């Protein structure tokens, strides 16, 4: 997917807990925030992009569907994440 002109890779999905977000075509730092929300809209995890990636761990959360939002600059995109 592309956000704010940057190509993103989100993996693994489905996940057993650890989730990675990487900016693929960026050299150096990418400023951004990654947030994961439960199906009830409650924030369950968040992380700042460090370098060109972010790692989140939702292994303590119950299995199910989550919504991940990535914000870079003024752009925000959402993805469905499945925890199994």
N, C-alpha and C. Protein backbone atom coordinates (compact mmCIF):
# COMPACT_ATOMS: atom_id res chain seq x y z
N UNK A 1 0.84 -1.19 0.00
CA UNK A 1 0.00 0.00 0.00
C UNK A 1 0.88 1.25 0.00
N UNK A 2 0.30 2.37 -0.36
CA UNK A 2 1.03 3.63 -0.43
C UNK A 2 0.35 4.64 0.49
N UNK A 3 1.14 5.34 1.30
CA UNK A 3 0.65 6.37 2.21
C UNK A 3 1.58 7.56 2.12
N UNK A 4 1.03 8.73 1.81
CA UNK A 4 1.80 9.96 1.72
C UNK A 4 2.98 9.80 0.76
N UNK A 5 2.76 9.05 -0.34
CA UNK A 5 3.79 8.85 -1.35
C UNK A 5 4.84 7.82 -0.97
N UNK A 6 4.64 7.12 0.15
CA UNK A 6 5.61 6.12 0.61
C UNK A 6 4.99 4.73 0.53
N UNK A 7 5.77 3.75 0.07
CA UNK A 7 5.28 2.37 0.01
C UNK A 7 5.44 1.72 1.38
N UNK A 8 4.35 1.07 1.84
CA UNK A 8 4.36 0.41 3.15
C UNK A 8 4.22 -1.10 3.01
N UNK A 9 4.90 -1.81 3.91
CA UNK A 9 4.75 -3.26 4.01
C UNK A 9 4.31 -3.55 5.44
N UNK A 10 3.20 -4.29 5.58
CA UNK A 10 2.65 -4.64 6.88
C UNK A 10 2.60 -6.16 6.95
N UNK A 11 3.27 -6.74 7.96
CA UNK A 11 3.36 -8.20 8.03
C UNK A 11 3.64 -8.65 9.45
N UNK A 12 3.37 -9.89 9.81
CA UNK A 12 2.49 -10.83 9.10
C UNK A 12 1.04 -10.51 9.41
N UNK A 13 0.20 -10.80 8.49
CA UNK A 13 -1.25 -10.62 8.67
C UNK A 13 -1.95 -11.76 7.96
N UNK A 14 -2.52 -12.71 8.68
CA UNK A 14 -2.80 -12.73 10.11
C UNK A 14 -1.51 -12.87 10.94
N UNK A 15 -1.62 -12.43 12.21
CA UNK A 15 -0.49 -12.45 13.12
C UNK A 15 -0.84 -13.24 14.38
N UNK A 16 0.20 -13.73 15.05
CA UNK A 16 0.00 -14.37 16.35
C UNK A 16 0.32 -13.39 17.47
N UNK A 17 0.78 -12.20 17.10
CA UNK A 17 1.07 -11.19 18.12
C UNK A 17 1.96 -10.06 17.62
N UNK A 18 3.16 -10.39 17.12
CA UNK A 18 4.06 -9.35 16.64
C UNK A 18 3.67 -8.91 15.25
N UNK A 19 3.72 -7.60 15.03
CA UNK A 19 3.33 -7.02 13.75
C UNK A 19 4.36 -5.96 13.39
N UNK A 20 4.80 -5.96 12.14
CA UNK A 20 5.79 -5.01 11.65
C UNK A 20 5.18 -4.11 10.59
N UNK A 21 5.58 -2.85 10.60
CA UNK A 21 5.23 -1.89 9.56
C UNK A 21 6.55 -1.31 9.06
N UNK A 22 6.80 -1.40 7.75
CA UNK A 22 8.03 -0.88 7.17
C UNK A 22 7.73 0.07 6.03
N UNK A 23 8.49 1.15 5.95
CA UNK A 23 8.46 2.05 4.80
C UNK A 23 9.55 1.55 3.87
N UNK A 24 9.17 1.08 2.67
CA UNK A 24 10.10 0.39 1.78
C UNK A 24 10.96 1.30 0.94
N UNK A 25 10.43 2.41 0.47
CA UNK A 25 11.17 3.22 -0.49
C UNK A 25 11.73 4.50 0.11
N UNK A 26 11.98 4.47 1.41
CA UNK A 26 12.45 5.67 2.11
C UNK A 26 13.87 5.41 2.62
N UNK A 27 14.73 6.37 2.40
CA UNK A 27 16.08 6.31 2.95
C UNK A 27 16.12 7.25 4.15
N UNK A 28 16.57 6.74 5.28
CA UNK A 28 16.63 7.56 6.49
C UNK A 28 15.38 7.42 7.33
N UNK A 29 15.06 8.49 8.03
CA UNK A 29 13.96 8.48 9.00
C UNK A 29 12.61 8.71 8.34
N UNK A 30 11.60 8.00 8.83
CA UNK A 30 10.20 8.25 8.47
C UNK A 30 9.47 8.54 9.77
N UNK A 31 8.92 9.74 9.86
CA UNK A 31 8.18 10.12 11.05
C UNK A 31 6.75 9.65 10.90
N UNK A 32 6.28 8.89 11.87
CA UNK A 32 4.91 8.43 11.80
C UNK A 32 4.50 7.73 13.07
N UNK A 33 3.23 7.41 13.15
CA UNK A 33 2.66 6.72 14.29
C UNK A 33 1.81 5.56 13.79
N UNK A 34 1.88 4.44 14.50
CA UNK A 34 1.07 3.26 14.18
C UNK A 34 0.20 2.98 15.40
N UNK A 35 -1.11 2.81 15.17
CA UNK A 35 -2.05 2.56 16.26
C UNK A 35 -2.92 1.36 15.90
N UNK A 36 -3.19 0.51 16.88
CA UNK A 36 -4.07 -0.64 16.68
C UNK A 36 -5.25 -0.51 17.63
N UNK A 37 -6.45 -0.62 17.04
CA UNK A 37 -7.70 -0.50 17.80
C UNK A 37 -8.45 -1.81 17.78
N UNK A 38 -9.11 -2.14 18.90
CA UNK A 38 -9.98 -3.30 18.96
C UNK A 38 -11.27 -3.01 18.20
N UNK A 39 -12.08 -4.03 18.03
CA UNK A 39 -13.34 -3.88 17.30
C UNK A 39 -14.31 -2.92 18.00
N UNK A 40 -14.07 -2.67 19.29
CA UNK A 40 -14.90 -1.73 20.05
C UNK A 40 -14.37 -0.29 19.97
N UNK A 41 -13.29 -0.07 19.20
CA UNK A 41 -12.74 1.26 19.02
C UNK A 41 -11.73 1.69 20.06
N UNK A 42 -11.40 0.80 21.00
CA UNK A 42 -10.45 1.13 22.06
C UNK A 42 -9.02 0.89 21.56
N UNK A 43 -8.13 1.85 21.80
CA UNK A 43 -6.72 1.72 21.42
C UNK A 43 -6.08 0.61 22.26
N UNK A 44 -5.49 -0.39 21.60
CA UNK A 44 -4.85 -1.50 22.32
C UNK A 44 -3.34 -1.45 22.24
N UNK A 45 -2.78 -0.76 21.23
CA UNK A 45 -1.33 -0.67 21.10
C UNK A 45 -0.99 0.49 20.17
N UNK A 46 0.15 1.12 20.42
CA UNK A 46 0.63 2.16 19.51
C UNK A 46 2.15 2.20 19.56
N UNK A 47 2.75 2.72 18.50
CA UNK A 47 4.20 2.83 18.42
C UNK A 47 4.57 3.95 17.47
N UNK A 48 5.70 4.58 17.74
CA UNK A 48 6.26 5.57 16.84
C UNK A 48 7.16 4.85 15.83
N UNK A 49 7.19 5.37 14.61
CA UNK A 49 8.11 4.83 13.62
C UNK A 49 9.52 5.19 14.07
N UNK A 50 10.41 4.21 14.13
CA UNK A 50 11.82 4.46 14.42
C UNK A 50 12.60 4.06 13.19
N UNK A 51 13.34 5.01 12.63
CA UNK A 51 13.98 4.75 11.35
C UNK A 51 12.91 4.67 10.29
N UNK A 52 12.81 3.52 9.67
CA UNK A 52 11.77 3.34 8.64
C UNK A 52 10.84 2.19 9.01
N UNK A 53 10.74 1.86 10.31
CA UNK A 53 9.87 0.74 10.70
C UNK A 53 9.29 0.96 12.10
N UNK A 54 8.27 0.15 12.39
CA UNK A 54 7.67 0.11 13.72
C UNK A 54 7.27 -1.33 14.01
N UNK A 55 7.39 -1.73 15.27
CA UNK A 55 6.98 -3.07 15.69
C UNK A 55 5.96 -2.91 16.81
N UNK A 56 4.87 -3.69 16.69
CA UNK A 56 3.85 -3.71 17.73
C UNK A 56 3.64 -5.15 18.17
N UNK A 57 3.22 -5.31 19.41
CA UNK A 57 2.96 -6.65 19.94
C UNK A 57 1.56 -6.68 20.55
N UNK A 58 0.68 -7.46 19.92
CA UNK A 58 -0.68 -7.61 20.45
C UNK A 58 -0.92 -9.06 20.91
N UNK A 59 0.17 -9.73 21.30
CA UNK A 59 0.05 -11.14 21.70
C UNK A 59 -0.81 -11.31 22.96
N UNK A 60 -0.90 -10.28 23.80
CA UNK A 60 -1.72 -10.39 25.01
C UNK A 60 -3.19 -10.08 24.74
N UNK A 61 -3.51 -9.66 23.53
CA UNK A 61 -4.90 -9.34 23.16
C UNK A 61 -5.61 -10.61 22.69
N UNK A 62 -6.94 -10.66 22.86
CA UNK A 62 -7.68 -11.83 22.38
C UNK A 62 -7.65 -11.95 20.86
N UNK A 63 -7.82 -13.17 20.37
CA UNK A 63 -7.89 -13.39 18.92
C UNK A 63 -9.09 -12.64 18.35
N UNK A 64 -8.94 -12.17 17.12
CA UNK A 64 -10.05 -11.47 16.48
C UNK A 64 -9.57 -10.45 15.48
N UNK A 65 -10.48 -9.55 15.11
CA UNK A 65 -10.22 -8.52 14.11
C UNK A 65 -9.85 -7.22 14.79
N UNK A 66 -8.81 -6.57 14.29
CA UNK A 66 -8.35 -5.28 14.79
C UNK A 66 -8.21 -4.32 13.61
N UNK A 67 -8.20 -3.05 13.91
CA UNK A 67 -7.98 -2.02 12.89
C UNK A 67 -6.67 -1.32 13.21
N UNK A 68 -5.77 -1.31 12.23
CA UNK A 68 -4.50 -0.61 12.40
C UNK A 68 -4.52 0.66 11.56
N UNK A 69 -4.14 1.76 12.18
CA UNK A 69 -4.02 3.03 11.46
C UNK A 69 -2.55 3.44 11.45
N UNK A 70 -2.09 3.84 10.27
CA UNK A 70 -0.74 4.37 10.13
C UNK A 70 -0.87 5.82 9.72
N UNK A 71 -0.21 6.70 10.46
CA UNK A 71 -0.23 8.12 10.16
C UNK A 71 1.18 8.58 9.84
N UNK A 72 1.36 9.12 8.64
CA UNK A 72 2.63 9.71 8.23
C UNK A 72 2.30 11.10 7.69
N UNK A 73 2.88 12.12 8.29
CA UNK A 73 2.54 13.49 7.92
C UNK A 73 1.07 13.74 8.22
N UNK A 74 0.35 14.27 7.25
CA UNK A 74 -1.08 14.54 7.42
C UNK A 74 -1.95 13.42 6.89
N UNK A 75 -1.33 12.33 6.41
CA UNK A 75 -2.08 11.23 5.80
C UNK A 75 -2.27 10.08 6.79
N UNK A 76 -3.47 9.49 6.76
CA UNK A 76 -3.79 8.35 7.62
C UNK A 76 -4.49 7.30 6.77
N UNK A 77 -4.04 6.05 6.89
CA UNK A 77 -4.71 4.92 6.25
C UNK A 77 -4.98 3.85 7.28
N UNK A 78 -6.02 3.05 7.04
CA UNK A 78 -6.39 1.98 7.96
C UNK A 78 -6.34 0.63 7.26
N UNK A 79 -6.00 -0.41 8.02
CA UNK A 79 -5.97 -1.79 7.53
C UNK A 79 -6.62 -2.68 8.56
N UNK A 80 -7.22 -3.77 8.09
CA UNK A 80 -7.75 -4.79 8.99
C UNK A 80 -6.60 -5.74 9.33
N UNK A 81 -6.47 -6.05 10.61
CA UNK A 81 -5.46 -6.98 11.10
C UNK A 81 -6.19 -8.13 11.78
N UNK A 82 -5.79 -9.35 11.48
CA UNK A 82 -6.39 -10.52 12.12
C UNK A 82 -5.38 -11.12 13.07
N UNK A 83 -5.78 -11.25 14.34
CA UNK A 83 -4.94 -11.93 15.33
C UNK A 83 -5.50 -13.32 15.52
N UNK A 84 -4.62 -14.32 15.34
CA UNK A 84 -5.07 -15.70 15.50
C UNK A 84 -4.35 -16.38 16.65
